[in-house]
């Protein structure tokens, strides 16, 4: 008689199915973590884009407000400017647009 140990067919099938299930779960976890990382990265990019748009709009409205105030100050008659504090100490200011016009 040989002393070799025989593995039953039930054990072989159970081992094979266990390996398949473990590999499937590992592959699922790999895909899930990869998708989660991509979604998180995309969310951060979208949040930055939204913040930059908001900051740009706020800056644009602030500059427009300053420009309207400067335009109103420039259109005042010379007498009114002297009342505000004009004269020789009055600083003249102007804005240039992106196309080069004043």
C-alpha atoms as a PDB file:
ATOM      1  CA  UNK A   1       0.000   0.000   0.000  1.00  0.00           C
ATOM      2  CA  UNK A   2       1.151   3.412  -0.775  1.00  0.00           C
ATOM      3  CA  UNK A   3       1.194   6.070   1.842  1.00  0.00           C
ATOM      4  CA  UNK A   4       0.191   8.840  -0.530  1.00  0.00           C
ATOM      5  CA  UNK A   5      -2.591  11.049   0.629  1.00  0.00           C
ATOM      6  CA  UNK A   6      -5.474  11.472  -1.794  1.00  0.00           C
ATOM      7  CA  UNK A   7      -7.477  14.679  -1.991  1.00  0.00           C
ATOM      8  CA  UNK A   8     -11.131  14.120  -2.536  1.00  0.00           C
ATOM      9  CA  UNK A   9     -13.031  15.701  -5.419  1.00  0.00           C
ATOM     10  CA  UNK A  10     -15.185  17.665  -2.946  1.00  0.00           C
ATOM     11  CA  UNK A  11     -12.113  19.329  -1.470  1.00  0.00           C
ATOM     12  CA  UNK A  12     -10.794  20.192  -4.928  1.00  0.00           C
ATOM     13  CA  UNK A  13     -14.105  21.763  -5.982  1.00  0.00           C
ATOM     14  CA  UNK A  14     -14.394  23.670  -2.691  1.00  0.00           C
ATOM     15  CA  UNK A  15     -10.832  24.995  -3.065  1.00  0.00           C
ATOM     16  CA  UNK A  16     -11.454  26.053  -6.666  1.00  0.00           C
ATOM     17  CA  UNK A  17     -14.724  27.827  -5.848  1.00  0.00           C
ATOM     18  CA  UNK A  18     -13.149  29.545  -2.837  1.00  0.00           C
ATOM     19  CA  UNK A  19     -10.288  30.801  -4.996  1.00  0.00           C
ATOM     20  CA  UNK A  20     -12.718  32.101  -7.622  1.00  0.00           C
ATOM     21  CA  UNK A  21     -14.806  33.915  -4.994  1.00  0.00           C
ATOM     22  CA  UNK A  22     -11.724  35.428  -3.331  1.00  0.00           C
ATOM     23  CA  UNK A  23     -10.374  36.622  -6.684  1.00  0.00           C
ATOM     24  CA  UNK A  24     -13.760  38.088  -7.654  1.00  0.00           C
ATOM     25  CA  UNK A  25     -14.036  39.988  -4.357  1.00  0.00           C
ATOM     26  CA  UNK A  26     -10.444  41.248  -4.665  1.00  0.00           C
ATOM     27  CA  UNK A  27     -11.091  42.432  -8.240  1.00  0.00           C
ATOM     28  CA  UNK A  28     -14.319  44.135  -7.145  1.00  0.00           C
ATOM     29  CA  UNK A  29     -12.540  45.946  -4.306  1.00  0.00           C
ATOM     30  CA  UNK A  30      -9.768  47.041  -6.678  1.00  0.00           C
ATOM     31  CA  UNK A  31     -12.289  48.461  -9.162  1.00  0.00           C
ATOM     32  CA  UNK A  32     -14.348  50.109  -6.413  1.00  0.00           C
ATOM     33  CA  UNK A  33     -11.316  51.832  -4.887  1.00  0.00           C
ATOM     34  CA  UNK A  34     -10.145  52.997  -8.320  1.00  0.00           C
ATOM     35  CA  UNK A  35     -13.552  54.446  -9.201  1.00  0.00           C
ATOM     36  CA  UNK A  36     -13.790  56.092  -5.769  1.00  0.00           C
ATOM     37  CA  UNK A  37     -10.379  57.723  -6.227  1.00  0.00           C
ATOM     38  CA  UNK A  38     -11.294  59.011  -9.705  1.00  0.00           C
ATOM     39  CA  UNK A  39     -14.617  60.391  -8.442  1.00  0.00           C
ATOM     40  CA  UNK A  40     -12.924  62.095  -5.500  1.00  0.00           C
ATOM     41  CA  UNK A  41     -10.324  63.664  -7.796  1.00  0.00           C
ATOM     42  CA  UNK A  42     -13.033  64.854 -10.192  1.00  0.00           C
ATOM     43  CA  UNK A  43     -15.017  66.307  -7.284  1.00  0.00           C
ATOM     44  CA  UNK A  44     -11.979  68.280  -6.121  1.00  0.00           C
ATOM     45  CA  UNK A  45     -11.391  69.638  -9.642  1.00  0.00           C
ATOM     46  CA  UNK A  46     -15.042  70.663  -9.952  1.00  0.00           C
ATOM     47  CA  UNK A  47     -14.961  72.325  -6.528  1.00  0.00           C
ATOM     48  CA  UNK A  48     -11.844  74.302  -7.495  1.00  0.00           C
ATOM     49  CA  UNK A  49     -13.448  75.295 -10.790  1.00  0.00           C
ATOM     50  CA  UNK A  50     -16.555  76.501  -8.972  1.00  0.00           C
ATOM     51  CA  UNK A  51     -14.502  78.506  -6.472  1.00  0.00           C
ATOM     52  CA  UNK A  52     -12.457  80.115  -9.241  1.00  0.00           C
ATOM     53  CA  UNK A  53     -15.615  81.068 -11.145  1.00  0.00           C
ATOM     54  CA  UNK A  54     -17.121  82.600  -7.994  1.00  0.00           C
ATOM     55  CA  UNK A  55     -13.929  84.497  -7.215  1.00  0.00           C
ATOM     56  CA  UNK A  56     -13.723  85.725 -10.806  1.00  0.00           C
ATOM     57  CA  UNK A  57     -17.313  86.960 -10.765  1.00  0.00           C
ATOM     58  CA  UNK A  58     -16.828  88.718  -7.429  1.00  0.00           C
ATOM     59  CA  UNK A  59     -13.616  90.357  -8.626  1.00  0.00           C
ATOM     60  CA  UNK A  60     -15.261  91.450 -11.862  1.00  0.00           C
ATOM     61  CA  UNK A  61     -18.196  93.012 -10.017  1.00  0.00           C
ATOM     62  CA  UNK A  62     -15.849  94.772  -7.580  1.00  0.00           C
ATOM     63  CA  UNK A  63     -13.758  96.220 -10.410  1.00  0.00           C
ATOM     64  CA  UNK A  64     -16.929  97.302 -12.209  1.00  0.00           C
ATOM     65  CA  UNK A  65     -18.066  99.053  -9.038  1.00  0.00           C
ATOM     66  CA  UNK A  66     -14.735 100.856  -8.707  1.00  0.00           C
ATOM     67  CA  UNK A  67     -14.867 101.828 -12.378  1.00  0.00           C
ATOM     68  CA  UNK A  68     -18.353 103.281 -12.052  1.00  0.00           C
ATOM     69  CA  UNK A  69     -17.264 105.283  -9.002  1.00  0.00           C
ATOM     70  CA  UNK A  70     -14.192 106.572 -10.836  1.00  0.00           C
ATOM     71  CA  UNK A  71     -16.307 107.473 -13.863  1.00  0.00           C
ATOM     72  CA  UNK A  72     -18.701 109.374 -11.622  1.00  0.00           C
ATOM     73  CA  UNK A  73     -15.795 111.199  -9.981  1.00  0.00           C
ATOM     74  CA  UNK A  74     -14.233 112.120 -13.341  1.00  0.00           C
ATOM     75  CA  UNK A  75     -17.539 113.489 -14.650  1.00  0.00           C
ATOM     76  CA  UNK A  76     -17.912 115.844 -11.687  1.00  0.00           C
ATOM     77  CA  UNK A  77     -17.315 119.503 -12.455  1.00  0.00           C
ATOM     78  CA  UNK A  78     -13.989 120.954 -11.361  1.00  0.00           C
ATOM     79  CA  UNK A  79     -15.665 122.968  -8.574  1.00  0.00           C
ATOM     80  CA  UNK A  80     -17.137 119.828  -7.007  1.00  0.00           C
ATOM     81  CA  UNK A  81     -13.793 118.080  -7.159  1.00  0.00           C
ATOM     82  CA  UNK A  82     -12.223 120.889  -5.191  1.00  0.00           C
ATOM     83  CA  UNK A  83     -14.854 120.378  -2.502  1.00  0.00           C
ATOM     84  CA  UNK A  84     -14.011 116.706  -2.332  1.00  0.00           C
ATOM     85  CA  UNK A  85     -10.349 117.440  -1.869  1.00  0.00           C
ATOM     86  CA  UNK A  86      -9.133 118.082  -5.379  1.00  0.00           C
ATOM     87  CA  UNK A  87      -6.805 120.789  -6.425  1.00  0.00           C
ATOM     88  CA  UNK A  88      -3.141 120.103  -6.817  1.00  0.00           C
ATOM     89  CA  UNK A  89      -3.210 117.138  -4.484  1.00  0.00           C
ATOM     90  CA  UNK A  90      -5.937 115.434  -6.493  1.00  0.00           C
ATOM     91  CA  UNK A  91      -4.764 112.188  -8.032  1.00  0.00           C
ATOM     92  CA  UNK A  92      -6.008 111.491 -11.521  1.00  0.00           C
ATOM     93  CA  UNK A  93      -6.818 107.862 -12.187  1.00  0.00           C
ATOM     94  CA  UNK A  94      -7.890 105.950 -15.251  1.00  0.00           C
ATOM     95  CA  UNK A  95      -8.633 102.394 -16.311  1.00  0.00           C
ATOM     96  CA  UNK A  96      -7.506 100.623 -19.429  1.00  0.00           C
ATOM     97  CA  UNK A  97      -9.630  97.899 -20.908  1.00  0.00           C
ATOM     98  CA  UNK A  98      -8.177  94.700 -22.283  1.00  0.00           C
ATOM     99  CA  UNK A  99      -8.584  95.986 -25.854  1.00  0.00           C
ATOM    100  CA  UNK A 100      -6.410  99.023 -25.061  1.00  0.00           C
ATOM    101  CA  UNK A 101      -9.145 101.675 -24.965  1.00  0.00           C
ATOM    102  CA  UNK A 102      -9.424 104.011 -22.020  1.00  0.00           C
END
